[in-house]
Amino acid sequence: MPRQVDYYFSFQSPWAYIGHNVFRDVAKTYDLKVNYKPVVLVDLFSETGGLPLMKRHPVRQRYRMVELQRWRDKRGLKFHLQPANWPFNARLADGVVIAAIQAGVDPEPFMRRAFAAVWEGQLNLAEPATLMQLADQSGLSGKQVVERSGSDEISTAYEQNRQDALAADVFGSPVYVLDGEVFWGQDRIELLADALKSGRPPYRSQV
């Protein structure tokens, strides 16, 4: 039976986008079963002591912009630092991922296109028509999956992701949880790979 990793992310997060392909490579290398768990970042921030971007000190905001450029080069990506349609309400896009999972379909092709749509294509993922097109391109039934995305059943699963995130000590995006050990940020993917390669037991907080 393959090992599992819980993947908490938001389409709002440039860091989740930056690390997505690298994480998928690690998952493939180590035959991981990935549990995709989209979450609302603002909820995690408010409940774990974090601040939304525009409420952070200007020093932190400026440093973030420098880091985005560093990692853009490091990962060999080309994206807009401040996309035209960002920030946006990610509820519907997140719901497409959940709807795909519930239908037994791998959401990764859609996720790959959706991340690129935000950060490279500057599309608006809050628009149903945009999501339908991306879903169709990903092998999903766009109209059906987007309509289902807004359902109460998907909202319930979305809320469960939030509760799971808080219970797992998740406080940002992306977060990869392996055997209860939290790896926060795309710059921890190499550490995740090290843990998988070594087969070591998970580290636990001493606090």
N, C-alpha and C. Protein backbone atom coordinates (compact mmCIF):
# COMPACT_ATOMS: atom_id res chain seq x y z
N MET A 1 0.84 -1.19 0.00
CA MET A 1 0.00 0.00 0.00
C MET A 1 0.89 1.25 0.00
N PRO A 2 0.63 2.21 -0.92
CA PRO A 2 1.48 3.40 -0.98
C PRO A 2 1.30 4.30 0.24
N ARG A 3 2.34 5.03 0.57
CA ARG A 3 2.24 6.02 1.63
C ARG A 3 1.36 7.18 1.16
N GLN A 4 0.80 7.89 2.13
CA GLN A 4 -0.10 8.97 1.79
C GLN A 4 0.44 10.31 2.30
N VAL A 5 0.10 11.36 1.58
CA VAL A 5 0.43 12.70 2.02
C VAL A 5 -0.80 13.58 1.80
N ASP A 6 -1.13 14.37 2.81
CA ASP A 6 -2.22 15.33 2.69
C ASP A 6 -1.65 16.64 2.15
N TYR A 7 -2.23 17.13 1.09
CA TYR A 7 -1.74 18.30 0.37
C TYR A 7 -2.76 19.42 0.54
N TYR A 8 -2.45 20.37 1.44
CA TYR A 8 -3.31 21.52 1.66
C TYR A 8 -2.80 22.69 0.82
N PHE A 9 -3.71 23.33 0.11
CA PHE A 9 -3.29 24.38 -0.81
C PHE A 9 -4.43 25.36 -1.06
N SER A 10 -4.08 26.47 -1.67
CA SER A 10 -5.06 27.43 -2.17
C SER A 10 -4.60 27.91 -3.54
N PHE A 11 -5.54 28.07 -4.46
CA PHE A 11 -5.21 28.64 -5.76
C PHE A 11 -4.79 30.11 -5.62
N GLN A 12 -5.11 30.71 -4.49
CA GLN A 12 -4.68 32.08 -4.21
C GLN A 12 -3.18 32.16 -3.95
N SER A 13 -2.58 31.05 -3.58
CA SER A 13 -1.20 31.04 -3.09
C SER A 13 -0.19 30.91 -4.22
N PRO A 14 0.68 31.92 -4.41
CA PRO A 14 1.74 31.76 -5.41
C PRO A 14 2.71 30.65 -5.04
N TRP A 15 2.87 30.42 -3.75
CA TRP A 15 3.82 29.41 -3.29
C TRP A 15 3.33 28.01 -3.63
N ALA A 16 2.01 27.79 -3.53
CA ALA A 16 1.45 26.50 -3.94
C ALA A 16 1.67 26.28 -5.43
N TYR A 17 1.46 27.33 -6.21
CA TYR A 17 1.71 27.24 -7.65
C TYR A 17 3.17 26.96 -7.95
N ILE A 18 4.06 27.68 -7.29
CA ILE A 18 5.50 27.53 -7.53
C ILE A 18 5.97 26.11 -7.22
N GLY A 19 5.41 25.52 -6.19
CA GLY A 19 5.87 24.19 -5.77
C GLY A 19 5.10 23.03 -6.35
N HIS A 20 4.02 23.30 -7.09
CA HIS A 20 3.11 22.22 -7.47
C HIS A 20 3.79 21.14 -8.31
N ASN A 21 4.48 21.52 -9.36
CA ASN A 21 5.10 20.52 -10.23
C ASN A 21 6.21 19.75 -9.53
N VAL A 22 6.98 20.45 -8.71
CA VAL A 22 8.06 19.80 -7.97
C VAL A 22 7.48 18.78 -6.98
N PHE A 23 6.41 19.18 -6.29
CA PHE A 23 5.76 18.26 -5.37
C PHE A 23 5.21 17.04 -6.09
N ARG A 24 4.61 17.26 -7.25
CA ARG A 24 4.08 16.13 -8.00
C ARG A 24 5.19 15.17 -8.43
N ASP A 25 6.35 15.72 -8.76
CA ASP A 25 7.48 14.86 -9.11
C ASP A 25 7.90 14.00 -7.92
N VAL A 26 7.92 14.59 -6.73
CA VAL A 26 8.28 13.84 -5.53
C VAL A 26 7.23 12.76 -5.26
N ALA A 27 5.96 13.11 -5.41
CA ALA A 27 4.90 12.14 -5.17
C ALA A 27 5.01 10.96 -6.13
N LYS A 28 5.35 11.25 -7.37
CA LYS A 28 5.51 10.19 -8.35
C LYS A 28 6.73 9.33 -8.05
N THR A 29 7.84 9.97 -7.68
CA THR A 29 9.07 9.24 -7.40
C THR A 29 8.88 8.25 -6.26
N TYR A 30 8.13 8.66 -5.23
CA TYR A 30 7.96 7.82 -4.05
C TYR A 30 6.58 7.14 -4.00
N ASP A 31 5.88 7.16 -5.12
CA ASP A 31 4.61 6.45 -5.24
C ASP A 31 3.64 6.83 -4.12
N LEU A 32 3.52 8.14 -3.89
CA LEU A 32 2.64 8.64 -2.84
C LEU A 32 1.20 8.73 -3.32
N LYS A 33 0.29 8.39 -2.44
CA LYS A 33 -1.12 8.70 -2.67
C LYS A 33 -1.35 10.11 -2.13
N VAL A 34 -1.77 11.01 -2.98
CA VAL A 34 -1.95 12.41 -2.59
C VAL A 34 -3.42 12.67 -2.27
N ASN A 35 -3.67 13.17 -1.07
CA ASN A 35 -5.01 13.58 -0.67
C ASN A 35 -5.10 15.10 -0.84
N TYR A 36 -5.79 15.54 -1.88
CA TYR A 36 -5.87 16.97 -2.20
C TYR A 36 -6.90 17.64 -1.30
N LYS A 37 -6.47 18.71 -0.61
CA LYS A 37 -7.34 19.37 0.35
C LYS A 37 -7.28 20.89 0.18
N PRO A 38 -8.05 21.44 -0.76
CA PRO A 38 -8.08 22.90 -0.88
C PRO A 38 -8.71 23.53 0.36
N VAL A 39 -8.15 24.66 0.77
CA VAL A 39 -8.61 25.34 1.98
C VAL A 39 -8.67 26.85 1.74
N VAL A 40 -9.45 27.54 2.59
CA VAL A 40 -9.54 29.00 2.53
C VAL A 40 -8.43 29.59 3.38
N LEU A 41 -7.52 30.29 2.75
CA LEU A 41 -6.36 30.81 3.48
C LEU A 41 -6.75 31.79 4.58
N VAL A 42 -7.68 32.68 4.29
CA VAL A 42 -8.01 33.71 5.28
C VAL A 42 -8.55 33.08 6.56
N ASP A 43 -9.24 31.95 6.43
CA ASP A 43 -9.73 31.25 7.62
C ASP A 43 -8.58 30.68 8.44
N LEU A 44 -7.61 30.08 7.76
CA LEU A 44 -6.46 29.53 8.47
C LEU A 44 -5.67 30.64 9.15
N PHE A 45 -5.47 31.75 8.44
CA PHE A 45 -4.73 32.87 9.02
C PHE A 45 -5.42 33.37 10.29
N SER A 46 -6.74 33.58 10.21
CA SER A 46 -7.46 34.17 11.33
C SER A 46 -7.47 33.26 12.55
N GLU A 47 -7.42 31.94 12.31
CA GLU A 47 -7.51 31.01 13.43
C GLU A 47 -6.15 30.53 13.94
N THR A 48 -5.08 30.90 13.25
CA THR A 48 -3.75 30.45 13.68
C THR A 48 -2.77 31.61 13.89
N GLY A 49 -3.28 32.83 13.91
CA GLY A 49 -2.42 33.97 14.23
C GLY A 49 -1.73 34.62 13.05
N GLY A 50 -2.06 34.22 11.83
CA GLY A 50 -1.46 34.83 10.65
C GLY A 50 -2.22 36.07 10.21
N LEU A 51 -1.64 36.80 9.26
CA LEU A 51 -2.27 38.01 8.74
C LEU A 51 -2.42 37.92 7.22
N PRO A 52 -3.55 38.40 6.68
CA PRO A 52 -3.66 38.52 5.22
C PRO A 52 -2.55 39.43 4.70
N LEU A 53 -2.21 39.27 3.44
CA LEU A 53 -1.08 39.98 2.86
C LEU A 53 -1.12 41.48 3.10
N MET A 54 -2.24 42.11 2.82
CA MET A 54 -2.31 43.57 2.89
C MET A 54 -2.28 44.11 4.32
N LYS A 55 -2.41 43.24 5.30
CA LYS A 55 -2.33 43.68 6.70
C LYS A 55 -0.94 43.44 7.29
N ARG A 56 -0.04 42.86 6.49
CA ARG A 56 1.32 42.63 6.98
C ARG A 56 2.14 43.91 6.89
N HIS A 57 3.16 43.99 7.70
CA HIS A 57 4.04 45.15 7.69
C HIS A 57 4.65 45.31 6.29
N PRO A 58 4.82 46.55 5.82
CA PRO A 58 5.41 46.77 4.49
C PRO A 58 6.76 46.08 4.29
N VAL A 59 7.55 45.94 5.34
CA VAL A 59 8.82 45.24 5.23
C VAL A 59 8.59 43.80 4.77
N ARG A 60 7.61 43.15 5.37
CA ARG A 60 7.30 41.76 5.00
C ARG A 60 6.73 41.68 3.57
N GLN A 61 5.93 42.66 3.21
CA GLN A 61 5.38 42.66 1.86
C GLN A 61 6.48 42.84 0.82
N ARG A 62 7.43 43.72 1.09
CA ARG A 62 8.52 43.93 0.14
C ARG A 62 9.40 42.68 0.03
N TYR A 63 9.67 42.05 1.17
CA TYR A 63 10.50 40.84 1.14
C TYR A 63 9.81 39.73 0.36
N ARG A 64 8.50 39.63 0.50
CA ARG A 64 7.73 38.62 -0.24
C ARG A 64 7.96 38.78 -1.74
N MET A 65 7.95 40.01 -2.23
CA MET A 65 8.15 40.25 -3.65
C MET A 65 9.54 39.82 -4.12
N VAL A 66 10.53 40.03 -3.27
CA VAL A 66 11.89 39.58 -3.60
C VAL A 66 11.95 38.06 -3.66
N GLU A 67 11.32 37.41 -2.69
CA GLU A 67 11.32 35.95 -2.66
C GLU A 67 10.60 35.35 -3.86
N LEU A 68 9.51 35.98 -4.27
CA LEU A 68 8.80 35.49 -5.45
C LEU A 68 9.71 35.49 -6.67
N GLN A 69 10.50 36.53 -6.82
CA GLN A 69 11.42 36.61 -7.96
C GLN A 69 12.52 35.56 -7.86
N ARG A 70 13.04 35.35 -6.66
CA ARG A 70 14.07 34.33 -6.47
C ARG A 70 13.56 32.94 -6.86
N TRP A 71 12.37 32.62 -6.34
CA TRP A 71 11.84 31.29 -6.59
C TRP A 71 11.32 31.13 -8.01
N ARG A 72 10.88 32.21 -8.61
CA ARG A 72 10.51 32.15 -10.02
C ARG A 72 11.71 31.71 -10.86
N ASP A 73 12.87 32.29 -10.56
CA ASP A 73 14.09 31.89 -11.27
C ASP A 73 14.52 30.48 -10.90
N LYS A 74 14.47 30.18 -9.60
CA LYS A 74 14.92 28.88 -9.11
C LYS A 74 14.14 27.73 -9.74
N ARG A 75 12.82 27.90 -9.85
CA ARG A 75 11.97 26.83 -10.38
C ARG A 75 11.81 26.91 -11.91
N GLY A 76 12.42 27.91 -12.53
CA GLY A 76 12.35 28.03 -13.97
C GLY A 76 10.96 28.36 -14.49
N LEU A 77 10.25 29.21 -13.76
CA LEU A 77 8.88 29.56 -14.13
C LEU A 77 8.82 30.97 -14.70
N LYS A 78 7.72 31.26 -15.37
CA LYS A 78 7.46 32.60 -15.87
C LYS A 78 6.04 32.98 -15.45
N PHE A 79 5.93 33.90 -14.50
CA PHE A 79 4.61 34.29 -14.04
C PHE A 79 4.60 35.75 -13.60
N HIS A 80 3.41 36.28 -13.47
CA HIS A 80 3.22 37.67 -13.05
C HIS A 80 3.27 37.75 -11.53
N LEU A 81 4.02 38.69 -11.02
CA LEU A 81 4.12 38.84 -9.57
C LEU A 81 2.81 39.34 -8.97
N GLN A 82 2.07 40.14 -9.72
CA GLN A 82 0.78 40.66 -9.28
C GLN A 82 -0.24 40.48 -10.42
N PRO A 83 -0.80 39.29 -10.55
CA PRO A 83 -1.72 39.01 -11.67
C PRO A 83 -2.92 39.95 -11.65
N ALA A 84 -3.47 40.17 -12.84
CA ALA A 84 -4.57 41.12 -12.99
C ALA A 84 -5.81 40.72 -12.19
N ASN A 85 -6.09 39.42 -12.10
CA ASN A 85 -7.30 38.96 -11.43
C ASN A 85 -7.00 38.25 -10.11
N TRP A 86 -6.13 38.87 -9.35
CA TRP A 86 -5.75 38.34 -8.04
C TRP A 86 -5.67 39.49 -7.05
N PRO A 87 -6.18 39.32 -5.83
CA PRO A 87 -6.81 38.10 -5.27
C PRO A 87 -8.23 37.92 -5.83
N PHE A 88 -8.77 36.75 -5.58
CA PHE A 88 -10.10 36.41 -6.07
C PHE A 88 -10.73 35.43 -5.10
N ASN A 89 -12.02 35.22 -5.25
CA ASN A 89 -12.72 34.24 -4.42
C ASN A 89 -12.49 32.86 -5.03
N ALA A 90 -11.76 32.02 -4.32
CA ALA A 90 -11.36 30.72 -4.86
C ALA A 90 -12.36 29.60 -4.55
N ARG A 91 -13.48 29.94 -3.93
CA ARG A 91 -14.43 28.90 -3.52
C ARG A 91 -14.86 27.99 -4.66
N LEU A 92 -15.22 28.56 -5.80
CA LEU A 92 -15.72 27.75 -6.90
C LEU A 92 -14.62 26.87 -7.50
N ALA A 93 -13.42 27.44 -7.66
CA ALA A 93 -12.29 26.67 -8.20
C ALA A 93 -11.91 25.53 -7.27
N ASP A 94 -11.88 25.82 -5.97
CA ASP A 94 -11.59 24.78 -5.00
C ASP A 94 -12.64 23.67 -5.06
N GLY A 95 -13.88 24.10 -5.24
CA GLY A 95 -14.97 23.13 -5.31
C GLY A 95 -14.85 22.19 -6.49
N VAL A 96 -14.29 22.67 -7.59
CA VAL A 96 -14.08 21.80 -8.76
C VAL A 96 -13.13 20.66 -8.40
N VAL A 97 -12.09 20.98 -7.63
CA VAL A 97 -11.15 19.94 -7.20
C VAL A 97 -11.88 18.89 -6.35
N ILE A 98 -12.67 19.36 -5.41
CA ILE A 98 -13.40 18.44 -4.54
C ILE A 98 -14.40 17.61 -5.34
N ALA A 99 -15.09 18.25 -6.27
CA ALA A 99 -16.07 17.54 -7.09
C ALA A 99 -15.40 16.47 -7.95
N ALA A 100 -14.22 16.77 -8.48
CA ALA A 100 -13.49 15.78 -9.27
C ALA A 100 -13.11 14.59 -8.41
N ILE A 101 -12.62 14.86 -7.21
CA ILE A 101 -12.23 13.78 -6.29
C ILE A 101 -13.43 12.90 -5.97
N GLN A 102 -14.56 13.52 -5.66
CA GLN A 102 -15.75 12.75 -5.32
C GLN A 102 -16.25 11.92 -6.49
N ALA A 103 -15.93 12.35 -7.71
CA ALA A 103 -16.31 11.59 -8.90
C ALA A 103 -15.29 10.53 -9.25
N GLY A 104 -14.24 10.42 -8.43
CA GLY A 104 -13.21 9.41 -8.68
C GLY A 104 -12.24 9.78 -9.78
N VAL A 105 -12.09 11.08 -10.04
CA VAL A 105 -11.22 11.57 -11.11
C VAL A 105 -10.03 12.30 -10.50
N ASP A 106 -8.85 12.08 -11.05
CA ASP A 106 -7.64 12.75 -10.60
C ASP A 106 -7.77 14.25 -10.89
N PRO A 107 -7.70 15.12 -9.87
CA PRO A 107 -7.87 16.56 -10.11
C PRO A 107 -6.60 17.25 -10.59
N GLU A 108 -5.47 16.53 -10.63
CA GLU A 108 -4.20 17.18 -10.90
C GLU A 108 -4.13 17.89 -12.26
N PRO A 109 -4.65 17.29 -13.36
CA PRO A 109 -4.62 18.03 -14.63
C PRO A 109 -5.35 19.37 -14.55
N PHE A 110 -6.48 19.40 -13.85
CA PHE A 110 -7.19 20.67 -13.68
C PHE A 110 -6.38 21.62 -12.82
N MET A 111 -5.80 21.13 -11.74
CA MET A 111 -5.03 21.99 -10.84
C MET A 111 -3.86 22.63 -11.58
N ARG A 112 -3.17 21.84 -12.37
CA ARG A 112 -2.02 22.36 -13.11
C ARG A 112 -2.43 23.50 -14.03
N ARG A 113 -3.56 23.32 -14.71
CA ARG A 113 -4.05 24.37 -15.60
C ARG A 113 -4.57 25.57 -14.80
N ALA A 114 -5.21 25.31 -13.68
CA ALA A 114 -5.79 26.39 -12.89
C ALA A 114 -4.71 27.28 -12.28
N PHE A 115 -3.67 26.66 -11.74
CA PHE A 115 -2.56 27.46 -11.20
C PHE A 115 -1.95 28.34 -12.29
N ALA A 116 -1.69 27.75 -13.44
CA ALA A 116 -1.10 28.52 -14.54
C ALA A 116 -2.06 29.61 -15.02
N ALA A 117 -3.35 29.32 -15.00
CA ALA A 117 -4.33 30.30 -15.45
C ALA A 117 -4.28 31.56 -14.59
N VAL A 118 -4.10 31.39 -13.29
CA VAL A 118 -4.03 32.54 -12.39
C VAL A 118 -2.73 33.30 -12.58
N TRP A 119 -1.62 32.59 -12.46
CA TRP A 119 -0.32 33.26 -12.30
C TRP A 119 0.38 33.55 -13.63
N GLU A 120 0.05 32.79 -14.65
CA GLU A 120 0.64 33.03 -15.97
C GLU A 120 -0.35 33.70 -16.92
N GLY A 121 -1.56 33.15 -16.99
CA GLY A 121 -2.55 33.66 -17.92
C GLY A 121 -3.37 34.83 -17.42
N GLN A 122 -3.29 35.11 -16.12
CA GLN A 122 -4.02 36.21 -15.49
C GLN A 122 -5.54 36.10 -15.72
N LEU A 123 -6.03 34.86 -15.73
CA LEU A 123 -7.46 34.64 -15.84
C LEU A 123 -8.13 34.73 -14.48
N ASN A 124 -9.45 34.85 -14.48
CA ASN A 124 -10.20 34.99 -13.25
C ASN A 124 -10.87 33.67 -12.89
N LEU A 125 -10.35 33.00 -11.88
CA LEU A 125 -10.87 31.70 -11.49
C LEU A 125 -12.17 31.80 -10.70
N ALA A 126 -12.64 33.01 -10.47
CA ALA A 126 -13.95 33.16 -9.84
C ALA A 126 -15.07 33.11 -10.88
N GLU A 127 -14.72 33.13 -12.16
CA GLU A 127 -15.71 33.12 -13.22
C GLU A 127 -16.05 31.69 -13.64
N PRO A 128 -17.33 31.30 -13.56
CA PRO A 128 -17.72 29.93 -13.93
C PRO A 128 -17.30 29.56 -15.36
N ALA A 129 -17.41 30.49 -16.30
CA ALA A 129 -17.07 30.18 -17.69
C ALA A 129 -15.60 29.81 -17.83
N THR A 130 -14.74 30.52 -17.10
CA THR A 130 -13.30 30.22 -17.13
C THR A 130 -13.04 28.83 -16.56
N LEU A 131 -13.69 28.52 -15.46
CA LEU A 131 -13.51 27.21 -14.83
C LEU A 131 -14.03 26.09 -15.72
N MET A 132 -15.15 26.33 -16.38
CA MET A 132 -15.69 25.31 -17.29
C MET A 132 -14.70 25.00 -18.40
N GLN A 133 -14.11 26.05 -18.95
CA GLN A 133 -13.14 25.84 -20.03
C GLN A 133 -11.94 25.06 -19.54
N LEU A 134 -11.41 25.43 -18.38
CA LEU A 134 -10.25 24.73 -17.83
C LEU A 134 -10.59 23.28 -17.50
N ALA A 135 -11.78 23.07 -16.97
CA ALA A 135 -12.21 21.72 -16.63
C ALA A 135 -12.36 20.87 -17.89
N ASP A 136 -12.96 21.44 -18.93
CA ASP A 136 -13.09 20.71 -20.20
C ASP A 136 -11.73 20.33 -20.76
N GLN A 137 -10.78 21.26 -20.69
CA GLN A 137 -9.43 21.00 -21.18
C GLN A 137 -8.72 19.93 -20.37
N SER A 138 -9.20 19.70 -19.15
CA SER A 138 -8.57 18.74 -18.24
C SER A 138 -9.25 17.38 -18.26
N GLY A 139 -10.18 17.21 -19.18
CA GLY A 139 -10.85 15.93 -19.29
C GLY A 139 -12.07 15.78 -18.40
N LEU A 140 -12.51 16.87 -17.79
CA LEU A 140 -13.70 16.85 -16.97
C LEU A 140 -14.88 17.39 -17.77
N SER A 141 -16.08 17.12 -17.29
CA SER A 141 -17.27 17.73 -17.87
C SER A 141 -17.44 19.10 -17.23
N GLY A 142 -16.99 20.14 -17.93
CA GLY A 142 -16.90 21.47 -17.34
C GLY A 142 -18.19 21.97 -16.73
N LYS A 143 -19.27 21.96 -17.50
CA LYS A 143 -20.54 22.49 -17.01
C LYS A 143 -21.02 21.71 -15.79
N GLN A 144 -20.92 20.40 -15.86
CA GLN A 144 -21.40 19.56 -14.76
C GLN A 144 -20.59 19.76 -13.49
N VAL A 145 -19.26 19.79 -13.62
CA VAL A 145 -18.42 19.85 -12.44
C VAL A 145 -18.48 21.23 -11.80
N VAL A 146 -18.62 22.28 -12.59
CA VAL A 146 -18.70 23.63 -12.02
C VAL A 146 -20.04 23.83 -11.32
N GLU A 147 -21.11 23.30 -11.91
CA GLU A 147 -22.41 23.39 -11.24
C GLU A 147 -22.39 22.64 -9.91
N ARG A 148 -21.76 21.48 -9.92
CA ARG A 148 -21.68 20.69 -8.68
C ARG A 148 -20.79 21.38 -7.64
N SER A 149 -19.82 22.14 -8.12
CA SER A 149 -18.89 22.81 -7.22
C SER A 149 -19.59 23.71 -6.22
N GLY A 150 -20.69 24.32 -6.63
CA GLY A 150 -21.39 25.24 -5.74
C GLY A 150 -22.40 24.59 -4.83
N SER A 151 -22.48 23.27 -4.82
CA SER A 151 -23.51 22.57 -4.05
C SER A 151 -23.20 22.55 -2.56
N ASP A 152 -24.24 22.29 -1.77
CA ASP A 152 -24.09 22.18 -0.32
C ASP A 152 -23.17 21.02 0.05
N GLU A 153 -23.24 19.95 -0.71
CA GLU A 153 -22.40 18.79 -0.41
C GLU A 153 -20.92 19.14 -0.54
N ILE A 154 -20.57 19.91 -1.58
CA ILE A 154 -19.19 20.33 -1.75
C ILE A 154 -18.79 21.30 -0.66
N SER A 155 -19.71 22.18 -0.27
CA SER A 155 -19.42 23.12 0.82
C SER A 155 -19.12 22.39 2.12
N THR A 156 -19.84 21.30 2.36
CA THR A 156 -19.60 20.51 3.57
C THR A 156 -18.21 19.89 3.54
N ALA A 157 -17.81 19.36 2.39
CA ALA A 157 -16.47 18.78 2.26
C ALA A 157 -15.40 19.85 2.40
N TYR A 158 -15.66 21.02 1.87
CA TYR A 158 -14.74 22.15 1.97
C TYR A 158 -14.52 22.55 3.43
N GLU A 159 -15.60 22.59 4.18
CA GLU A 159 -15.51 22.91 5.60
C GLU A 159 -14.74 21.82 6.34
N GLN A 160 -14.94 20.56 5.94
CA GLN A 160 -14.20 19.47 6.57
C GLN A 160 -12.71 19.62 6.34
N ASN A 161 -12.32 20.09 5.14
CA ASN A 161 -10.90 20.35 4.87
C ASN A 161 -10.34 21.38 5.84
N ARG A 162 -11.13 22.42 6.11
CA ARG A 162 -10.69 23.45 7.07
C ARG A 162 -10.48 22.86 8.46
N GLN A 163 -11.42 22.05 8.88
CA GLN A 163 -11.31 21.44 10.21
C GLN A 163 -10.12 20.48 10.26
N ASP A 164 -9.93 19.72 9.18
CA ASP A 164 -8.78 18.80 9.11
C ASP A 164 -7.47 19.58 9.17
N ALA A 165 -7.44 20.72 8.48
CA ALA A 165 -6.23 21.54 8.46
C ALA A 165 -5.88 22.04 9.87
N LEU A 166 -6.86 22.55 10.57
CA LEU A 166 -6.61 23.05 11.92
C LEU A 166 -6.20 21.92 12.86
N ALA A 167 -6.82 20.78 12.71
CA ALA A 167 -6.48 19.63 13.56
C ALA A 167 -5.07 19.13 13.28
N ALA A 168 -4.57 19.36 12.06
CA ALA A 168 -3.23 18.88 11.66
C ALA A 168 -2.15 19.94 11.87
N ASP A 169 -2.52 21.10 12.47
CA ASP A 169 -1.58 22.21 12.67
C ASP A 169 -1.14 22.86 11.37
N VAL A 170 -2.05 22.90 10.41
CA VAL A 170 -1.79 23.57 9.14
C VAL A 170 -2.17 25.04 9.28
N PHE A 171 -1.32 25.93 8.77
CA PHE A 171 -1.59 27.37 8.94
C PHE A 171 -1.28 28.19 7.70
N GLY A 172 -1.04 27.55 6.57
CA GLY A 172 -0.73 28.30 5.36
C GLY A 172 -0.86 27.41 4.14
N SER A 173 -0.30 27.89 3.03
CA SER A 173 -0.35 27.15 1.76
C SER A 173 0.94 27.37 0.99
N PRO A 174 1.51 26.28 0.47
CA PRO A 174 1.06 24.90 0.58
C PRO A 174 1.61 24.25 1.84
N VAL A 175 0.91 23.21 2.27
CA VAL A 175 1.39 22.37 3.37
C VAL A 175 1.24 20.92 2.95
N TYR A 176 2.28 20.15 3.23
CA TYR A 176 2.29 18.71 2.94
C TYR A 176 2.42 17.99 4.28
N VAL A 177 1.48 17.13 4.60
CA VAL A 177 1.48 16.43 5.88
C VAL A 177 1.73 14.95 5.63
N LEU A 178 2.87 14.48 6.12
CA LEU A 178 3.27 13.08 5.96
C LEU A 178 3.34 12.42 7.33
N ASP A 179 2.49 11.43 7.55
CA ASP A 179 2.46 10.72 8.84
C ASP A 179 2.36 11.69 10.01
N GLY A 180 1.58 12.75 9.84
CA GLY A 180 1.38 13.72 10.91
C GLY A 180 2.44 14.80 11.00
N GLU A 181 3.51 14.69 10.21
CA GLU A 181 4.56 15.71 10.22
C GLU A 181 4.25 16.77 9.17
N VAL A 182 4.26 18.03 9.60
CA VAL A 182 3.89 19.15 8.74
C VAL A 182 5.12 19.71 8.03
N PHE A 183 5.02 19.82 6.71
CA PHE A 183 6.04 20.49 5.90
C PHE A 183 5.36 21.72 5.29
N TRP A 184 5.68 22.89 5.81
CA TRP A 184 5.02 24.12 5.37
C TRP A 184 5.86 24.85 4.33
N GLY A 185 5.27 25.09 3.18
CA GLY A 185 5.92 25.89 2.16
C GLY A 185 6.59 25.07 1.08
N GLN A 186 6.57 25.59 -0.14
CA GLN A 186 7.17 24.87 -1.25
C GLN A 186 8.69 24.73 -1.10
N ASP A 187 9.28 25.57 -0.25
CA ASP A 187 10.72 25.44 -0.01
C ASP A 187 11.04 24.34 0.98
N ARG A 188 10.02 23.58 1.41
CA ARG A 188 10.25 22.40 2.27
C ARG A 188 10.07 21.10 1.50
N ILE A 189 9.82 21.21 0.20
CA ILE A 189 9.59 19.99 -0.58
C ILE A 189 10.82 19.09 -0.56
N GLU A 190 12.00 19.69 -0.63
CA GLU A 190 13.22 18.88 -0.58
C GLU A 190 13.35 18.15 0.75
N LEU A 191 12.89 18.79 1.82
CA LEU A 191 12.91 18.13 3.13
C LEU A 191 11.90 16.98 3.18
N LEU A 192 10.77 17.17 2.52
CA LEU A 192 9.80 16.09 2.40
C LEU A 192 10.41 14.92 1.66
N ALA A 193 11.11 15.21 0.56
CA ALA A 193 11.77 14.14 -0.21
C ALA A 193 12.82 13.42 0.63
N ASP A 194 13.56 14.17 1.43
CA ASP A 194 14.56 13.56 2.31
C ASP A 194 13.91 12.60 3.30
N ALA A 195 12.78 13.02 3.87
CA ALA A 195 12.09 12.16 4.84
C ALA A 195 11.60 10.88 4.17
N LEU A 196 11.12 11.00 2.95
CA LEU A 196 10.65 9.82 2.22
C LEU A 196 11.81 8.90 1.87
N LYS A 197 12.90 9.48 1.44
CA LYS A 197 14.06 8.68 1.03
C LYS A 197 14.66 7.93 2.20
N SER A 198 14.74 8.59 3.36
CA SER A 198 15.37 7.98 4.52
C SER A 198 14.47 6.96 5.21
N GLY A 199 13.16 7.17 5.09
CA GLY A 199 12.23 6.30 5.79
C GLY A 199 12.18 6.53 7.28
N ARG A 200 12.71 7.67 7.71
CA ARG A 200 12.76 7.97 9.15
C ARG A 200 11.36 8.14 9.72
N PRO A 201 11.21 7.96 11.04
CA PRO A 201 9.92 8.24 11.67
C PRO A 201 9.66 9.74 11.67
N PRO A 202 8.40 10.15 11.78
CA PRO A 202 8.08 11.57 11.74
C PRO A 202 8.61 12.32 12.96
N TYR A 203 9.04 13.55 12.73
CA TYR A 203 9.42 14.42 13.82
C TYR A 203 8.16 14.97 14.49
N ARG A 204 8.25 15.17 15.80
CA ARG A 204 7.14 15.72 16.56
C ARG A 204 7.59 16.95 17.33
N SER A 205 6.68 17.88 17.52
CA SER A 205 6.98 19.06 18.30
C SER A 205 7.26 18.67 19.75
N GLN A 206 8.21 19.37 20.33
CA GLN A 206 8.54 19.13 21.74
C GLN A 206 7.83 20.11 22.66
N VAL A 207 6.96 20.93 22.07
CA VAL A 207 6.24 21.95 22.86
C VAL A 207 4.86 21.44 23.20
